[in-house]
N, C-alpha and C. Protein backbone atom coordinates (compact mmCIF):
# COMPACT_ATOMS: atom_id res chain seq x y z
N MET A 1 35.07 -40.88 120.03
CA MET A 1 36.40 -40.68 119.46
C MET A 1 36.87 -41.98 118.76
N LYS A 2 37.44 -41.82 117.60
CA LYS A 2 37.92 -42.99 116.89
C LYS A 2 39.20 -43.53 117.56
N LYS A 3 39.20 -44.83 117.82
CA LYS A 3 40.35 -45.44 118.43
C LYS A 3 41.15 -46.21 117.38
N THR A 4 42.47 -46.05 117.44
CA THR A 4 43.33 -46.73 116.48
C THR A 4 44.30 -47.63 117.27
N SER A 5 44.68 -48.72 116.66
CA SER A 5 45.64 -49.62 117.29
C SER A 5 47.03 -49.01 117.24
N ALA A 6 47.70 -49.05 118.41
CA ALA A 6 49.07 -48.52 118.47
C ALA A 6 49.97 -49.28 117.51
N THR A 7 49.76 -50.58 117.38
CA THR A 7 50.58 -51.39 116.49
C THR A 7 50.36 -50.97 115.03
N ALA A 8 49.10 -50.73 114.67
CA ALA A 8 48.77 -50.37 113.28
C ALA A 8 49.41 -49.04 112.91
N ALA A 9 49.65 -48.15 113.88
CA ALA A 9 50.19 -46.84 113.62
C ALA A 9 51.70 -46.88 113.43
N LEU A 10 52.32 -47.96 113.83
CA LEU A 10 53.79 -48.04 113.76
C LEU A 10 54.21 -48.17 112.32
N PRO A 11 55.19 -47.36 111.88
CA PRO A 11 55.59 -47.36 110.47
C PRO A 11 56.45 -48.57 110.11
N PRO A 12 56.38 -49.03 108.86
CA PRO A 12 57.24 -50.14 108.44
C PRO A 12 58.73 -49.66 108.33
N LEU A 13 59.60 -50.58 108.54
CA LEU A 13 61.06 -50.26 108.50
C LEU A 13 61.76 -51.08 107.45
N LEU A 14 62.84 -50.53 106.95
CA LEU A 14 63.77 -51.22 106.05
C LEU A 14 64.99 -51.48 106.89
N ILE A 15 65.11 -52.75 107.33
CA ILE A 15 66.13 -53.09 108.33
C ILE A 15 67.31 -53.76 107.65
N LEU A 16 68.45 -53.13 107.65
CA LEU A 16 69.65 -53.64 107.00
C LEU A 16 70.61 -54.19 108.05
N ILE A 17 70.98 -55.42 107.93
CA ILE A 17 71.94 -56.03 108.84
C ILE A 17 73.16 -56.49 108.09
N SER A 18 74.32 -56.08 108.59
CA SER A 18 75.58 -56.45 107.99
C SER A 18 76.51 -56.94 109.06
N ALA A 19 77.51 -57.78 108.66
CA ALA A 19 78.44 -58.36 109.62
C ALA A 19 79.58 -59.01 108.90
N PRO A 20 80.72 -59.16 109.58
CA PRO A 20 81.81 -59.93 108.99
C PRO A 20 81.46 -61.45 109.03
N SER A 21 82.09 -62.22 108.17
CA SER A 21 81.86 -63.64 108.13
C SER A 21 82.14 -64.30 109.50
N GLY A 22 81.19 -65.09 110.01
CA GLY A 22 81.36 -65.77 111.25
C GLY A 22 80.75 -65.09 112.46
N ALA A 23 80.18 -63.86 112.25
CA ALA A 23 79.63 -63.12 113.39
C ALA A 23 78.23 -63.58 113.78
N GLY A 24 77.59 -64.34 112.90
CA GLY A 24 76.25 -64.86 113.22
C GLY A 24 75.10 -64.16 112.52
N LYS A 25 75.41 -63.47 111.40
CA LYS A 25 74.38 -62.68 110.70
C LYS A 25 73.25 -63.56 110.19
N THR A 26 73.57 -64.61 109.50
CA THR A 26 72.55 -65.50 108.92
C THR A 26 71.64 -66.08 109.98
N THR A 27 72.25 -66.51 111.09
CA THR A 27 71.46 -67.06 112.21
C THR A 27 70.51 -66.01 112.76
N LEU A 28 71.04 -64.80 112.94
CA LEU A 28 70.24 -63.69 113.47
C LEU A 28 69.05 -63.38 112.53
N VAL A 29 69.34 -63.32 111.24
CA VAL A 29 68.30 -63.04 110.27
C VAL A 29 67.18 -64.08 110.33
N ASN A 30 67.54 -65.34 110.40
CA ASN A 30 66.55 -66.41 110.46
C ASN A 30 65.71 -66.33 111.75
N LEU A 31 66.36 -65.98 112.87
CA LEU A 31 65.65 -65.85 114.15
C LEU A 31 64.70 -64.66 114.11
N LEU A 32 65.09 -63.57 113.47
CA LEU A 32 64.21 -62.40 113.33
C LEU A 32 62.97 -62.71 112.51
N LEU A 33 63.18 -63.44 111.44
CA LEU A 33 62.04 -63.79 110.54
C LEU A 33 61.04 -64.68 111.29
N LYS A 34 61.53 -65.53 112.19
CA LYS A 34 60.64 -66.38 112.97
C LYS A 34 59.93 -65.60 114.08
N ALA A 35 60.65 -64.62 114.62
CA ALA A 35 60.13 -63.86 115.77
C ALA A 35 59.10 -62.81 115.38
N ARG A 36 59.17 -62.29 114.16
CA ARG A 36 58.30 -61.21 113.74
C ARG A 36 57.56 -61.58 112.46
N PRO A 37 56.30 -61.96 112.57
CA PRO A 37 55.53 -62.40 111.42
C PRO A 37 55.37 -61.31 110.34
N ASN A 38 55.44 -60.04 110.72
CA ASN A 38 55.28 -58.97 109.76
C ASN A 38 56.59 -58.62 109.03
N LEU A 39 57.65 -59.30 109.43
CA LEU A 39 58.96 -59.04 108.81
C LEU A 39 59.17 -59.99 107.62
N THR A 40 59.58 -59.43 106.49
CA THR A 40 59.79 -60.22 105.29
C THR A 40 61.15 -59.86 104.72
N ARG A 41 61.78 -60.83 104.09
CA ARG A 41 63.08 -60.51 103.43
C ARG A 41 62.85 -60.01 102.03
N ALA A 42 63.77 -59.21 101.53
CA ALA A 42 63.71 -58.73 100.19
C ALA A 42 64.16 -59.85 99.25
N VAL A 43 63.48 -60.01 98.15
CA VAL A 43 63.85 -61.03 97.16
C VAL A 43 64.77 -60.43 96.12
N THR A 44 65.93 -61.02 95.96
CA THR A 44 66.96 -60.51 95.07
C THR A 44 66.77 -61.02 93.65
N CYS A 45 67.13 -60.22 92.63
CA CYS A 45 67.14 -60.66 91.27
C CYS A 45 68.49 -61.33 90.97
N THR A 46 68.48 -62.30 90.10
CA THR A 46 69.74 -62.92 89.69
C THR A 46 69.65 -63.44 88.25
N THR A 47 70.81 -63.52 87.62
CA THR A 47 70.85 -64.06 86.27
C THR A 47 71.24 -65.54 86.27
N ARG A 48 71.57 -66.08 87.43
CA ARG A 48 71.91 -67.51 87.47
C ARG A 48 70.67 -68.37 87.33
N ALA A 49 70.87 -69.61 86.92
CA ALA A 49 69.75 -70.55 86.75
C ALA A 49 69.22 -71.02 88.09
N PRO A 50 67.94 -71.28 88.18
CA PRO A 50 67.36 -71.78 89.43
C PRO A 50 67.95 -73.13 89.80
N ARG A 51 68.18 -73.35 91.08
CA ARG A 51 68.62 -74.63 91.58
C ARG A 51 67.42 -75.46 91.95
N THR A 52 67.61 -76.74 92.11
CA THR A 52 66.49 -77.65 92.42
C THR A 52 65.71 -77.16 93.63
N GLY A 53 64.41 -77.01 93.46
CA GLY A 53 63.54 -76.60 94.54
C GLY A 53 63.35 -75.10 94.67
N GLU A 54 64.12 -74.31 94.00
CA GLU A 54 63.98 -72.83 94.06
C GLU A 54 62.81 -72.36 93.20
N GLN A 55 62.10 -71.36 93.74
CA GLN A 55 60.94 -70.84 93.07
C GLN A 55 61.14 -69.37 92.69
N ASP A 56 60.76 -69.06 91.46
CA ASP A 56 60.86 -67.67 91.00
C ASP A 56 59.91 -66.79 91.84
N GLY A 57 60.44 -65.69 92.32
CA GLY A 57 59.64 -64.77 93.14
C GLY A 57 59.61 -65.11 94.58
N VAL A 58 60.14 -66.26 94.96
CA VAL A 58 60.22 -66.68 96.36
C VAL A 58 61.67 -66.70 96.82
N ASP A 59 62.47 -67.47 96.14
CA ASP A 59 63.89 -67.54 96.48
C ASP A 59 64.66 -66.42 95.78
N TYR A 60 64.38 -66.21 94.52
CA TYR A 60 64.97 -65.11 93.73
C TYR A 60 63.98 -64.72 92.65
N HIS A 61 64.22 -63.55 92.07
CA HIS A 61 63.60 -63.21 90.80
C HIS A 61 64.60 -63.59 89.71
N PHE A 62 64.35 -64.63 88.95
CA PHE A 62 65.28 -65.11 87.96
C PHE A 62 65.10 -64.33 86.65
N LEU A 63 66.16 -63.63 86.22
CA LEU A 63 66.10 -62.79 85.03
C LEU A 63 67.11 -63.25 83.99
N ALA A 64 66.77 -63.05 82.73
CA ALA A 64 67.75 -63.22 81.66
C ALA A 64 68.78 -62.11 81.75
N ALA A 65 70.03 -62.39 81.25
CA ALA A 65 71.10 -61.38 81.38
C ALA A 65 70.74 -60.07 80.70
N ASP A 66 70.11 -60.11 79.53
CA ASP A 66 69.78 -58.86 78.84
C ASP A 66 68.71 -58.06 79.58
N ASP A 67 67.80 -58.76 80.23
CA ASP A 67 66.74 -58.09 81.04
C ASP A 67 67.37 -57.44 82.25
N PHE A 68 68.32 -58.15 82.88
CA PHE A 68 68.99 -57.61 84.05
C PHE A 68 69.77 -56.33 83.65
N LEU A 69 70.46 -56.38 82.53
CA LEU A 69 71.24 -55.23 82.08
C LEU A 69 70.34 -54.02 81.77
N LYS A 70 69.18 -54.27 81.19
CA LYS A 70 68.25 -53.17 80.92
C LYS A 70 67.81 -52.51 82.21
N ARG A 71 67.58 -53.32 83.25
CA ARG A 71 67.14 -52.77 84.53
C ARG A 71 68.28 -51.97 85.18
N VAL A 72 69.51 -52.44 85.01
CA VAL A 72 70.67 -51.69 85.51
C VAL A 72 70.72 -50.33 84.82
N GLN A 73 70.59 -50.31 83.51
CA GLN A 73 70.68 -49.07 82.73
C GLN A 73 69.55 -48.11 83.06
N ALA A 74 68.40 -48.68 83.44
CA ALA A 74 67.21 -47.86 83.80
C ALA A 74 67.29 -47.34 85.25
N GLY A 75 68.27 -47.82 86.00
CA GLY A 75 68.39 -47.38 87.40
C GLY A 75 67.42 -48.00 88.33
N ASN A 76 66.94 -49.20 87.98
CA ASN A 76 65.92 -49.92 88.77
C ASN A 76 66.47 -50.50 90.07
N PHE A 77 67.75 -50.77 90.09
CA PHE A 77 68.35 -51.44 91.25
C PHE A 77 68.87 -50.46 92.27
N ILE A 78 68.68 -50.77 93.54
CA ILE A 78 69.29 -49.97 94.60
C ILE A 78 70.72 -50.47 94.87
N GLU A 79 70.96 -51.72 94.47
CA GLU A 79 72.31 -52.29 94.67
C GLU A 79 72.41 -53.50 93.76
N HIS A 80 73.55 -53.65 93.10
CA HIS A 80 73.77 -54.82 92.26
C HIS A 80 75.24 -55.12 92.14
N ALA A 81 75.55 -56.37 91.88
CA ALA A 81 76.94 -56.81 91.75
C ALA A 81 77.01 -58.09 90.92
N THR A 82 78.20 -58.37 90.43
CA THR A 82 78.44 -59.61 89.68
C THR A 82 79.39 -60.50 90.51
N VAL A 83 78.95 -61.74 90.77
CA VAL A 83 79.70 -62.65 91.57
C VAL A 83 79.86 -63.99 90.78
N TYR A 84 81.10 -64.36 90.54
CA TYR A 84 81.37 -65.63 89.82
C TYR A 84 80.59 -65.75 88.51
N GLY A 85 80.55 -64.63 87.79
CA GLY A 85 79.90 -64.65 86.48
C GLY A 85 78.40 -64.44 86.45
N ASN A 86 77.78 -64.42 87.63
CA ASN A 86 76.34 -64.18 87.72
C ASN A 86 76.05 -62.85 88.36
N SER A 87 74.99 -62.18 87.87
CA SER A 87 74.63 -60.84 88.41
C SER A 87 73.52 -60.99 89.45
N TYR A 88 73.61 -60.14 90.46
CA TYR A 88 72.62 -60.11 91.52
C TYR A 88 72.23 -58.64 91.77
N GLY A 89 70.98 -58.38 92.05
CA GLY A 89 70.56 -57.02 92.28
C GLY A 89 69.28 -56.94 93.07
N LEU A 90 69.13 -55.82 93.77
CA LEU A 90 67.95 -55.60 94.57
C LEU A 90 67.15 -54.44 94.03
N LEU A 91 65.93 -54.71 93.59
CA LEU A 91 65.08 -53.72 92.96
C LEU A 91 64.50 -52.72 93.97
N LYS A 92 64.52 -51.43 93.62
CA LYS A 92 63.89 -50.44 94.47
C LYS A 92 62.41 -50.73 94.63
N ARG A 93 61.78 -51.15 93.53
CA ARG A 93 60.35 -51.42 93.57
C ARG A 93 60.01 -52.56 94.52
N GLU A 94 60.88 -53.53 94.60
CA GLU A 94 60.72 -54.66 95.54
C GLU A 94 60.56 -54.13 96.98
N LEU A 95 61.40 -53.19 97.32
CA LEU A 95 61.40 -52.66 98.69
C LEU A 95 60.19 -51.75 98.89
N LEU A 96 59.94 -50.87 97.93
CA LEU A 96 58.83 -49.90 98.09
C LEU A 96 57.49 -50.58 98.18
N ASP A 97 57.26 -51.60 97.34
CA ASP A 97 55.97 -52.28 97.35
C ASP A 97 55.73 -52.94 98.72
N LYS A 98 56.72 -53.56 99.29
CA LYS A 98 56.56 -54.23 100.56
C LYS A 98 56.36 -53.21 101.72
N LEU A 99 57.12 -52.15 101.67
CA LEU A 99 56.97 -51.09 102.70
C LEU A 99 55.57 -50.46 102.60
N ARG A 100 55.13 -50.18 101.42
CA ARG A 100 53.80 -49.56 101.22
C ARG A 100 52.66 -50.49 101.61
N ALA A 101 52.95 -51.79 101.62
CA ALA A 101 51.96 -52.79 102.07
C ALA A 101 51.99 -52.93 103.59
N GLY A 102 52.85 -52.16 104.24
CA GLY A 102 52.91 -52.18 105.70
C GLY A 102 53.86 -53.25 106.27
N ARG A 103 54.67 -53.86 105.41
CA ARG A 103 55.61 -54.91 105.88
C ARG A 103 56.96 -54.33 106.22
N ASP A 104 57.54 -54.81 107.30
CA ASP A 104 58.97 -54.52 107.58
C ASP A 104 59.81 -55.36 106.66
N VAL A 105 60.83 -54.80 106.08
CA VAL A 105 61.68 -55.49 105.12
C VAL A 105 63.08 -55.67 105.67
N LEU A 106 63.60 -56.89 105.57
CA LEU A 106 64.92 -57.25 106.10
C LEU A 106 65.90 -57.44 104.97
N LEU A 107 67.06 -56.75 105.07
CA LEU A 107 68.14 -56.86 104.10
C LEU A 107 69.34 -57.49 104.81
N ASN A 108 69.89 -58.53 104.21
CA ASN A 108 71.07 -59.24 104.70
C ASN A 108 72.17 -58.99 103.68
N VAL A 109 73.05 -58.03 103.95
CA VAL A 109 74.04 -57.61 102.94
C VAL A 109 75.43 -57.49 103.55
N ASP A 110 76.43 -57.51 102.68
CA ASP A 110 77.82 -57.30 103.15
C ASP A 110 78.05 -55.81 103.37
N VAL A 111 79.24 -55.48 103.89
CA VAL A 111 79.56 -54.08 104.23
C VAL A 111 79.56 -53.22 102.96
N GLN A 112 80.08 -53.72 101.88
CA GLN A 112 80.16 -52.98 100.63
C GLN A 112 78.72 -52.69 100.11
N GLY A 113 77.87 -53.72 100.16
CA GLY A 113 76.50 -53.53 99.75
C GLY A 113 75.75 -52.54 100.60
N ALA A 114 76.05 -52.54 101.93
CA ALA A 114 75.43 -51.62 102.86
C ALA A 114 75.80 -50.17 102.49
N ALA A 115 77.04 -49.94 102.15
CA ALA A 115 77.49 -48.60 101.76
C ALA A 115 76.76 -48.12 100.54
N THR A 116 76.61 -49.01 99.56
CA THR A 116 75.90 -48.67 98.33
C THR A 116 74.45 -48.31 98.59
N ILE A 117 73.80 -49.11 99.45
CA ILE A 117 72.37 -48.86 99.77
C ILE A 117 72.23 -47.56 100.52
N ARG A 118 73.11 -47.30 101.45
CA ARG A 118 73.00 -45.99 102.18
C ARG A 118 73.12 -44.85 101.21
N ALA A 119 74.04 -44.94 100.28
CA ALA A 119 74.22 -43.84 99.31
C ALA A 119 73.01 -43.72 98.38
N GLN A 120 72.50 -44.84 97.91
CA GLN A 120 71.36 -44.83 97.00
C GLN A 120 70.10 -44.27 97.64
N THR A 121 69.89 -44.58 98.91
CA THR A 121 68.64 -44.13 99.56
C THR A 121 68.62 -42.64 99.83
N GLU A 122 69.77 -41.97 99.71
CA GLU A 122 69.83 -40.52 99.86
C GLU A 122 68.95 -39.82 98.86
N SER A 123 68.79 -40.43 97.67
CA SER A 123 67.96 -39.82 96.63
C SER A 123 66.57 -40.46 96.57
N GLU A 124 66.29 -41.33 97.55
CA GLU A 124 64.95 -41.96 97.62
C GLU A 124 64.39 -41.72 99.01
N PRO A 125 63.70 -40.58 99.21
CA PRO A 125 63.24 -40.18 100.55
C PRO A 125 62.44 -41.22 101.29
N GLU A 126 61.58 -41.92 100.57
CA GLU A 126 60.74 -42.94 101.20
C GLU A 126 61.57 -44.08 101.78
N LEU A 127 62.58 -44.50 101.07
CA LEU A 127 63.47 -45.56 101.56
C LEU A 127 64.35 -45.04 102.65
N ARG A 128 64.83 -43.81 102.49
CA ARG A 128 65.72 -43.23 103.50
C ARG A 128 65.04 -43.14 104.86
N ARG A 129 63.75 -42.72 104.86
CA ARG A 129 63.01 -42.58 106.13
C ARG A 129 62.86 -43.93 106.83
N ALA A 130 62.74 -44.99 106.02
CA ALA A 130 62.49 -46.32 106.59
C ALA A 130 63.76 -47.03 107.01
N LEU A 131 64.89 -46.61 106.49
CA LEU A 131 66.14 -47.36 106.63
C LEU A 131 66.71 -47.30 108.06
N VAL A 132 67.05 -48.47 108.57
CA VAL A 132 67.75 -48.62 109.84
C VAL A 132 68.93 -49.60 109.61
N THR A 133 70.15 -49.18 109.89
CA THR A 133 71.30 -50.04 109.61
C THR A 133 71.92 -50.55 110.92
N ILE A 134 72.20 -51.85 110.92
CA ILE A 134 72.71 -52.51 112.13
C ILE A 134 73.96 -53.29 111.74
N PHE A 135 75.03 -53.10 112.51
CA PHE A 135 76.25 -53.87 112.30
C PHE A 135 76.46 -54.84 113.44
N LEU A 136 76.55 -56.10 113.10
CA LEU A 136 76.74 -57.17 114.09
C LEU A 136 78.16 -57.68 114.01
N THR A 137 78.84 -57.72 115.14
CA THR A 137 80.20 -58.27 115.15
C THR A 137 80.51 -58.81 116.55
N THR A 138 81.59 -59.56 116.60
CA THR A 138 82.07 -60.09 117.91
C THR A 138 82.84 -58.97 118.62
N ALA A 139 83.13 -59.21 119.89
CA ALA A 139 83.83 -58.19 120.70
C ALA A 139 85.27 -57.97 120.21
N SER A 140 85.86 -58.97 119.52
CA SER A 140 87.22 -58.83 119.02
C SER A 140 87.42 -59.77 117.82
N VAL A 141 88.47 -59.52 117.09
CA VAL A 141 88.82 -60.42 115.97
C VAL A 141 89.21 -61.81 116.52
N LYS A 142 89.77 -61.82 117.73
CA LYS A 142 90.18 -63.09 118.36
C LYS A 142 88.93 -63.98 118.55
N VAL A 143 87.87 -63.39 119.06
CA VAL A 143 86.61 -64.15 119.26
C VAL A 143 86.06 -64.61 117.91
N LEU A 144 86.14 -63.74 116.93
CA LEU A 144 85.65 -64.13 115.57
C LEU A 144 86.44 -65.29 115.04
N ALA A 145 87.77 -65.28 115.26
CA ALA A 145 88.62 -66.38 114.80
C ALA A 145 88.25 -67.70 115.47
N GLN A 146 87.89 -67.60 116.75
CA GLN A 146 87.45 -68.80 117.49
C GLN A 146 86.18 -69.38 116.93
N ARG A 147 85.27 -68.49 116.56
CA ARG A 147 84.00 -68.93 116.01
C ARG A 147 84.22 -69.62 114.64
N LEU A 148 85.08 -69.00 113.81
CA LEU A 148 85.35 -69.58 112.50
C LEU A 148 86.03 -70.93 112.64
N LYS A 149 86.92 -71.04 113.61
CA LYS A 149 87.61 -72.30 113.86
C LYS A 149 86.66 -73.39 114.29
N GLN A 150 85.73 -73.01 115.22
CA GLN A 150 84.72 -73.97 115.70
C GLN A 150 83.79 -74.42 114.61
N ARG A 151 83.52 -73.52 113.66
CA ARG A 151 82.63 -73.86 112.56
C ARG A 151 83.27 -74.91 111.66
N GLY A 152 84.61 -74.87 111.53
CA GLY A 152 85.35 -75.89 110.85
C GLY A 152 85.06 -76.01 109.37
N ALA A 153 84.60 -74.94 108.75
CA ALA A 153 84.21 -75.00 107.36
C ALA A 153 85.36 -74.61 106.41
N ASP A 154 86.41 -74.02 106.93
CA ASP A 154 87.49 -73.49 106.09
C ASP A 154 88.85 -74.04 106.50
N ALA A 155 89.71 -74.17 105.50
CA ALA A 155 91.13 -74.50 105.75
C ALA A 155 91.77 -73.25 106.42
N ASP A 156 92.91 -73.45 107.08
CA ASP A 156 93.53 -72.37 107.80
C ASP A 156 93.83 -71.16 106.93
N HIS A 157 94.35 -71.37 105.71
CA HIS A 157 94.70 -70.24 104.87
C HIS A 157 93.44 -69.47 104.44
N VAL A 158 92.35 -70.19 104.24
CA VAL A 158 91.07 -69.52 103.89
C VAL A 158 90.58 -68.72 105.06
N MET A 159 90.67 -69.29 106.27
CA MET A 159 90.22 -68.57 107.46
C MET A 159 91.03 -67.30 107.68
N GLN A 160 92.33 -67.35 107.43
CA GLN A 160 93.18 -66.13 107.58
C GLN A 160 92.74 -65.07 106.60
N LYS A 161 92.38 -65.46 105.39
CA LYS A 161 91.87 -64.47 104.41
C LYS A 161 90.55 -63.88 104.89
N ARG A 162 89.70 -64.70 105.45
CA ARG A 162 88.42 -64.22 105.99
C ARG A 162 88.64 -63.21 107.09
N LEU A 163 89.61 -63.49 107.95
CA LEU A 163 89.89 -62.60 109.09
C LEU A 163 90.48 -61.28 108.60
N ALA A 164 91.31 -61.33 107.58
CA ALA A 164 91.86 -60.08 107.02
C ALA A 164 90.77 -59.21 106.46
N VAL A 165 89.81 -59.82 105.75
CA VAL A 165 88.64 -59.06 105.23
C VAL A 165 87.80 -58.57 106.39
N ALA A 166 87.61 -59.41 107.40
CA ALA A 166 86.79 -59.06 108.57
C ALA A 166 87.33 -57.81 109.24
N ARG A 167 88.65 -57.68 109.36
CA ARG A 167 89.25 -56.50 110.01
C ARG A 167 88.87 -55.22 109.26
N GLN A 168 88.90 -55.31 107.93
CA GLN A 168 88.50 -54.15 107.11
C GLN A 168 87.05 -53.81 107.28
N GLU A 169 86.22 -54.89 107.33
CA GLU A 169 84.77 -54.66 107.47
C GLU A 169 84.41 -54.09 108.84
N ILE A 170 85.05 -54.62 109.86
CA ILE A 170 84.73 -54.16 111.24
C ILE A 170 85.09 -52.67 111.39
N SER A 171 86.12 -52.21 110.67
CA SER A 171 86.50 -50.79 110.76
C SER A 171 85.40 -49.85 110.25
N GLN A 172 84.44 -50.41 109.55
CA GLN A 172 83.32 -49.58 109.02
C GLN A 172 82.14 -49.49 109.97
N TRP A 173 82.23 -50.04 111.16
CA TRP A 173 81.09 -50.06 112.08
C TRP A 173 80.48 -48.72 112.36
N LYS A 174 81.31 -47.68 112.38
CA LYS A 174 80.83 -46.34 112.73
C LYS A 174 79.87 -45.75 111.73
N HIS A 175 79.80 -46.35 110.53
CA HIS A 175 78.89 -45.81 109.48
C HIS A 175 77.48 -46.38 109.62
N PHE A 176 77.26 -47.26 110.58
CA PHE A 176 75.94 -47.85 110.77
C PHE A 176 75.23 -47.15 111.96
N ASP A 177 73.88 -47.23 111.93
CA ASP A 177 73.12 -46.60 113.00
C ASP A 177 73.35 -47.29 114.36
N TYR A 178 73.50 -48.61 114.35
CA TYR A 178 73.67 -49.36 115.57
C TYR A 178 74.79 -50.38 115.45
N LEU A 179 75.44 -50.62 116.58
CA LEU A 179 76.46 -51.66 116.70
C LEU A 179 75.97 -52.68 117.72
N VAL A 180 75.86 -53.93 117.31
CA VAL A 180 75.48 -54.99 118.21
C VAL A 180 76.68 -55.93 118.38
N ILE A 181 77.17 -56.02 119.60
CA ILE A 181 78.27 -56.92 119.92
C ILE A 181 77.65 -58.32 120.16
N SER A 182 77.99 -59.26 119.33
CA SER A 182 77.37 -60.57 119.39
C SER A 182 77.76 -61.34 120.65
N GLY A 183 76.71 -61.90 121.27
CA GLY A 183 76.89 -62.77 122.44
C GLY A 183 76.29 -64.13 122.09
N SER A 184 75.28 -64.50 122.86
CA SER A 184 74.54 -65.72 122.55
C SER A 184 73.47 -65.38 121.51
N LYS A 185 72.93 -66.42 120.88
CA LYS A 185 71.86 -66.24 119.91
C LYS A 185 70.66 -65.49 120.50
N PRO A 186 70.16 -65.90 121.70
CA PRO A 186 69.05 -65.16 122.29
C PRO A 186 69.35 -63.71 122.58
N GLU A 187 70.61 -63.45 123.02
CA GLU A 187 71.00 -62.06 123.30
C GLU A 187 71.02 -61.21 122.02
N ASP A 188 71.55 -61.78 120.96
CA ASP A 188 71.60 -61.02 119.69
C ASP A 188 70.19 -60.71 119.22
N LEU A 189 69.29 -61.70 119.32
CA LEU A 189 67.91 -61.52 118.94
C LEU A 189 67.23 -60.44 119.78
N ARG A 190 67.40 -60.54 121.09
CA ARG A 190 66.76 -59.60 122.00
C ARG A 190 67.22 -58.14 121.71
N ARG A 191 68.51 -57.97 121.53
CA ARG A 191 69.04 -56.62 121.28
C ARG A 191 68.55 -56.06 119.96
N THR A 192 68.49 -56.89 118.93
CA THR A 192 68.04 -56.43 117.64
C THR A 192 66.57 -56.10 117.63
N LEU A 193 65.78 -56.90 118.33
CA LEU A 193 64.34 -56.63 118.44
C LEU A 193 64.10 -55.32 119.21
N ALA A 194 64.95 -55.04 120.21
CA ALA A 194 64.82 -53.78 120.94
C ALA A 194 65.10 -52.57 120.04
N ILE A 195 66.09 -52.74 119.16
CA ILE A 195 66.40 -51.64 118.21
C ILE A 195 65.20 -51.41 117.28
N ILE A 196 64.62 -52.49 116.78
CA ILE A 196 63.50 -52.36 115.86
C ILE A 196 62.31 -51.65 116.56
N GLU A 197 62.01 -52.05 117.77
CA GLU A 197 60.89 -51.45 118.49
C GLU A 197 61.17 -49.96 118.77
N ALA A 198 62.38 -49.64 119.17
CA ALA A 198 62.74 -48.24 119.42
C ALA A 198 62.62 -47.40 118.16
N GLU A 199 63.09 -47.93 117.03
CA GLU A 199 63.03 -47.19 115.77
C GLU A 199 61.63 -46.94 115.35
N LYS A 200 60.74 -47.90 115.60
CA LYS A 200 59.33 -47.70 115.20
C LYS A 200 58.67 -46.61 115.96
N MET A 201 59.19 -46.31 117.15
CA MET A 201 58.56 -45.30 118.00
C MET A 201 59.26 -43.94 117.92
N ARG A 202 60.20 -43.80 117.01
CA ARG A 202 60.83 -42.47 116.82
C ARG A 202 59.75 -41.48 116.42
N SER A 203 59.80 -40.29 116.99
CA SER A 203 58.79 -39.28 116.73
C SER A 203 58.77 -38.88 115.25
N ALA A 204 59.94 -38.95 114.61
CA ALA A 204 60.03 -38.54 113.23
C ALA A 204 59.25 -39.50 112.29
N ARG A 205 59.05 -40.77 112.78
CA ARG A 205 58.33 -41.75 111.98
C ARG A 205 56.88 -41.92 112.40
N SER A 206 56.54 -41.46 113.56
CA SER A 206 55.24 -41.78 114.13
C SER A 206 54.12 -40.86 113.63
N ALA A 207 52.93 -41.39 113.57
CA ALA A 207 51.77 -40.56 113.28
C ALA A 207 51.44 -39.80 114.57
N PRO A 208 51.01 -38.55 114.46
CA PRO A 208 50.71 -37.76 115.68
C PRO A 208 49.57 -38.38 116.46
N PRO A 209 49.65 -38.30 117.76
CA PRO A 209 48.54 -38.85 118.61
C PRO A 209 47.31 -37.95 118.50
N GLU A 210 46.12 -38.51 118.72
CA GLU A 210 44.89 -37.75 118.69
C GLU A 210 44.70 -37.12 120.05
N PHE A 211 44.35 -35.84 120.06
CA PHE A 211 44.09 -35.12 121.34
C PHE A 211 43.10 -33.96 121.10
């Protein structure tokens, strides 16, 4: 009888993580990338110029503005936005190529971007099957405020604006597959890895066992 590796049979996932500012999303994403060698981040397209040390295809896909617009018009992006005069977008092909190569793909997006991606994947069955959405937040806005204050990166009026936005974002938690209440960094990592492992073993995603 032919034997197959259980790990090899596990399907690749498109793992979307979103969180309000200060909840620890960037830290969690970096820990996940270190913990799982098969996990890769999606490379975003941008019209801004490369900064010192940035490499095309590694940090971003750097595109001319007219090229970016053509891709928007062709429907190539699963999500795109303009921020401070520069355009950013995530190509559907970027995700599909990595998933088809057997890689788990990690998306680090805001709540608005997450809503757009959920809507877009409804018409992309391959992406929809792979998608797992996770919302990371603190137990309360009070705890989030304490974290932002400890970080010391913002003036008080800026922090208050962040908290006002955070309240709106947190109210969207129910639209995600999973809610992770942030504790320590190891706890956040452990919980998220448990979600990933459980999702890989869903019967709807698994190859049938041989018998």
